[in-house]
Amino acid sequence: MLLDDGKAKEGFAWFNKAAAQGHLMALNMVGRCYDQGWGVTVDKKRAAECFRIAAERGLDWGMYNFATALTLGEGVAADKAAALAWFRKASALGNAKAINYVGSFYEDGWVVARDMVTAADCYARAAEGGDFRGAFNHARMLMTENRAEDAAYWLQRCAESATPAFLHKARAWLSASSWPQLAQALALEQPSDRTKP
């Protein structure tokens, strides 16, 4: 709430107090504050350390954030194999964003053999779990199967929770794709009345 109200320094202080009491989500949020510069100077190394500790103590969001740091080499040395292991652990706990990232590893062939069936399955599960990137990626897979109506549904779901920056990139990607008409699905402000495919 404090972060949303523009009181990042106050929020950071409260997260630190809670983290000192052993609250893992608070520790993860201290990491997010260091990662994003919310109420504190950006410090990717400290962020990664917070994420690592939260991950090792079993928090799925700590696992996801630590895996992301390992993937990007932010605050720690890049290590995609270790990143995938952490994404898989978070996925096993139901973290939809982690499931999406596992799909990306399979789609791109990072430290695993490229496997589009596994990637598509991960994207579908991430979409079902509410991840907007997963919904977009699931829609991309549906487009390759010529299932434009189903893809439009998932693009609308993506638009419901995606960040403006992501929507801008997604619209640009769709406009340059073989399915430019589907970019309209991301522009809709109201959720679709259509039932899930």
Protein backbone atom coordinates (compact mmCIF):
# COMPACT_ATOMS: atom_id res chain seq x y z
CA MET A 1 0.00 0.00 0.00
CA LEU A 2 2.74 2.48 0.90
CA LEU A 3 4.54 1.76 -2.39
CA ASP A 4 1.30 2.33 -4.29
CA ASP A 5 0.70 5.59 -2.39
CA GLY A 6 4.09 7.02 -3.38
CA LYS A 7 5.62 6.41 0.06
CA ALA A 8 8.43 4.13 -1.07
CA LYS A 9 10.91 5.04 1.69
CA GLU A 10 8.30 4.30 4.34
CA GLY A 11 7.39 1.06 2.62
CA PHE A 12 11.03 0.03 2.43
CA ALA A 13 11.45 0.70 6.15
CA TRP A 14 8.41 -1.43 7.04
CA PHE A 15 9.56 -4.27 4.76
CA ASN A 16 12.94 -4.21 6.54
CA LYS A 17 11.28 -4.39 9.96
CA ALA A 18 9.14 -7.33 8.90
CA ALA A 19 12.09 -9.07 7.23
CA ALA A 20 14.07 -8.74 10.46
CA GLN A 21 11.23 -10.64 12.16
CA GLY A 22 11.61 -13.51 9.68
CA HIS A 23 8.79 -12.73 7.24
CA LEU A 24 9.97 -14.19 3.94
CA MET A 25 7.65 -12.16 1.70
CA ALA A 26 8.92 -9.00 3.40
CA LEU A 27 12.51 -10.10 2.72
CA ASN A 28 11.57 -10.71 -0.90
CA MET A 29 10.06 -7.22 -1.04
CA VAL A 30 13.24 -5.70 0.43
CA GLY A 31 14.94 -7.35 -2.53
CA ARG A 32 12.36 -5.88 -4.92
CA CYS A 33 12.97 -2.43 -3.42
CA TYR A 34 16.72 -2.79 -4.00
CA ASP A 35 16.07 -4.19 -7.47
CA GLN A 36 13.70 -1.41 -8.55
CA GLY A 37 14.96 1.51 -6.46
CA TRP A 38 11.76 1.80 -4.42
CA GLY A 39 12.68 3.99 -1.47
CA VAL A 40 16.36 3.07 -1.69
CA THR A 41 19.22 3.28 -4.19
CA VAL A 42 19.23 0.44 -6.72
CA ASP A 43 21.58 -2.31 -5.56
CA LYS A 44 21.24 -5.45 -7.69
CA LYS A 45 23.71 -7.40 -5.55
CA ARG A 46 21.72 -6.78 -2.35
CA ALA A 47 18.51 -7.56 -4.22
CA ALA A 48 19.87 -10.91 -5.41
CA GLU A 49 21.02 -11.74 -1.87
CA CYS A 50 17.56 -11.07 -0.46
CA PHE A 51 15.98 -13.17 -3.21
CA ARG A 52 18.47 -16.02 -2.63
CA ILE A 53 17.75 -16.17 1.10
CA ALA A 54 13.98 -16.08 0.55
CA ALA A 55 14.33 -18.77 -2.14
CA GLU A 56 16.44 -21.04 0.03
CA ARG A 57 13.87 -20.71 2.79
CA GLY A 58 11.09 -21.88 0.48
CA LEU A 59 9.32 -18.74 -0.80
CA ASP A 60 8.14 -19.19 -4.39
CA TRP A 61 8.47 -15.45 -5.15
CA GLY A 62 12.02 -15.50 -3.79
CA MET A 63 12.73 -18.46 -6.08
CA TYR A 64 11.23 -16.63 -9.06
CA ASN A 65 13.12 -13.41 -8.39
CA PHE A 66 16.43 -15.17 -7.68
CA ALA A 67 16.03 -17.23 -10.85
CA THR A 68 15.36 -14.04 -12.80
CA ALA A 69 18.53 -12.48 -11.38
CA LEU A 70 20.50 -15.59 -12.36
CA THR A 71 19.01 -15.55 -15.85
CA LEU A 72 19.86 -11.89 -16.43
CA GLY A 73 23.12 -11.84 -14.47
CA GLU A 74 21.86 -9.00 -12.28
CA GLY A 75 23.61 -8.87 -8.91
CA VAL A 76 25.00 -12.37 -9.43
CA ALA A 77 26.89 -14.13 -12.19
CA ALA A 78 24.57 -15.29 -14.95
CA ASP A 79 23.83 -19.00 -14.58
CA LYS A 80 20.93 -20.20 -16.71
CA ALA A 81 21.16 -23.80 -15.48
CA ALA A 82 20.79 -22.70 -11.86
CA ALA A 83 18.07 -20.26 -12.91
CA LEU A 84 16.06 -23.04 -14.54
CA ALA A 85 16.37 -25.17 -11.41
CA TRP A 86 14.95 -22.32 -9.29
CA PHE A 87 12.19 -21.60 -11.82
CA ARG A 88 11.24 -25.26 -11.71
CA LYS A 89 11.07 -25.21 -7.90
CA ALA A 90 8.83 -22.12 -7.97
CA SER A 91 6.74 -23.75 -10.71
CA ALA A 92 6.22 -26.81 -8.55
CA LEU A 93 4.74 -24.46 -5.93
CA GLY A 94 2.31 -23.07 -8.54
CA ASN A 95 4.02 -19.76 -9.34
CA ALA A 96 2.53 -18.87 -12.75
CA LYS A 97 5.30 -16.42 -13.67
CA ALA A 98 7.90 -19.11 -13.04
CA ILE A 99 5.93 -21.59 -15.16
CA ASN A 100 5.97 -19.06 -18.00
CA TYR A 101 9.72 -18.61 -17.65
CA VAL A 102 10.27 -22.39 -17.80
CA GLY A 103 8.32 -22.31 -21.06
CA SER A 104 10.69 -19.65 -22.38
CA PHE A 105 13.69 -21.84 -21.57
CA TYR A 106 12.15 -24.64 -23.64
CA GLU A 107 11.07 -22.36 -26.48
CA ASP A 108 14.52 -20.77 -26.73
CA GLY A 109 16.54 -23.91 -25.98
CA TRP A 110 18.39 -22.37 -23.03
CA VAL A 111 20.29 -25.17 -21.21
CA VAL A 112 17.62 -27.66 -22.38
CA ALA A 113 16.79 -29.07 -25.78
CA ARG A 114 14.31 -26.87 -27.63
CA ASP A 115 10.86 -28.39 -27.07
CA MET A 116 7.87 -26.46 -28.35
CA VAL A 117 5.35 -28.94 -26.92
CA THR A 118 6.71 -28.43 -23.41
CA ALA A 119 6.93 -24.66 -23.98
CA ALA A 120 3.30 -24.52 -25.14
CA ASP A 121 2.17 -26.57 -22.14
CA CYS A 122 4.01 -24.25 -19.75
CA TYR A 123 2.51 -21.17 -21.40
CA ALA A 124 -0.99 -22.63 -21.17
CA ARG A 125 -0.51 -23.39 -17.45
CA ALA A 126 0.95 -19.94 -16.80
CA ALA A 127 -1.99 -18.32 -18.61
CA GLU A 128 -4.46 -20.39 -16.60
CA GLY A 129 -2.60 -19.30 -13.48
CA GLY A 130 -3.13 -15.63 -14.31
CA ASP A 131 0.27 -14.54 -15.63
CA PHE A 132 -0.16 -11.91 -18.35
CA ARG A 133 3.07 -12.89 -20.09
CA GLY A 134 1.92 -16.50 -19.99
CA ALA A 135 -1.40 -15.45 -21.54
CA PHE A 136 0.43 -13.63 -24.34
CA ASN A 137 2.77 -16.56 -24.96
CA HIS A 138 -0.14 -19.02 -24.89
CA ALA A 139 -1.91 -16.85 -27.47
CA ARG A 140 1.21 -16.93 -29.67
CA MET A 141 1.19 -20.73 -29.56
CA LEU A 142 -2.52 -20.82 -30.42
CA MET A 143 -1.88 -18.53 -33.40
CA THR A 144 0.55 -21.05 -34.85
CA GLU A 145 -2.29 -23.59 -34.69
CA ASN A 146 -4.59 -21.19 -36.57
CA ARG A 147 -6.79 -20.78 -33.49
CA ALA A 148 -7.22 -17.01 -33.79
CA GLU A 149 -10.44 -16.82 -31.78
CA ASP A 150 -8.89 -18.67 -28.84
CA ALA A 151 -5.75 -16.54 -29.17
CA ALA A 152 -7.86 -13.36 -29.05
CA TYR A 153 -9.43 -14.53 -25.79
CA TRP A 154 -6.00 -14.98 -24.16
CA LEU A 155 -4.77 -11.67 -25.54
CA GLN A 156 -7.76 -10.00 -23.88
CA ARG A 157 -6.89 -11.78 -20.65
CA CYS A 158 -3.32 -10.54 -21.03
CA ALA A 159 -4.55 -6.96 -21.45
CA GLU A 160 -6.51 -7.15 -18.19
CA SER A 161 -3.38 -7.22 -16.03
CA ALA A 162 -0.35 -6.43 -18.22
CA THR A 163 1.79 -3.38 -17.66
CA PRO A 164 1.49 -0.55 -20.19
CA ALA A 165 5.10 -1.16 -21.30
CA PHE A 166 4.39 -4.85 -21.95
CA LEU A 167 1.19 -4.04 -23.86
CA HIS A 168 3.09 -1.59 -26.06
CA LYS A 169 5.69 -4.25 -26.94
CA ALA A 170 3.02 -6.93 -27.43
CA ARG A 171 1.00 -4.73 -29.78
CA ALA A 172 4.13 -3.95 -31.79
CA TRP A 173 4.96 -7.66 -32.02
CA LEU A 174 1.43 -8.52 -33.17
CA SER A 175 1.35 -5.68 -35.69
CA ALA A 176 4.50 -7.04 -37.32
CA SER A 177 3.30 -10.67 -37.15
CA SER A 178 1.17 -12.74 -39.51
CA TRP A 179 -1.80 -11.85 -37.29
CA PRO A 180 -1.81 -8.02 -37.07
CA GLN A 181 -5.60 -7.98 -36.60
CA LEU A 182 -5.12 -9.60 -33.19
CA ALA A 183 -3.38 -6.46 -31.88
CA GLN A 184 -6.92 -5.12 -31.35
CA ALA A 185 -7.50 -7.74 -28.65
CA LEU A 186 -4.84 -6.05 -26.52
CA ALA A 187 -6.53 -2.68 -26.94
CA LEU A 188 -9.80 -3.73 -25.36
CA GLU A 189 -10.34 -2.20 -21.95
CA GLN A 190 -13.24 -4.44 -20.92
CA PRO A 191 -12.77 -8.15 -20.24
CA SER A 192 -14.24 -10.40 -22.86
CA ASP A 193 -17.75 -11.72 -22.36
CA ARG A 194 -16.69 -14.77 -24.33
CA THR A 195 -16.26 -17.90 -22.27
CA LYS A 196 -12.87 -19.48 -21.98
CA PRO A 197 -11.90 -21.78 -24.88
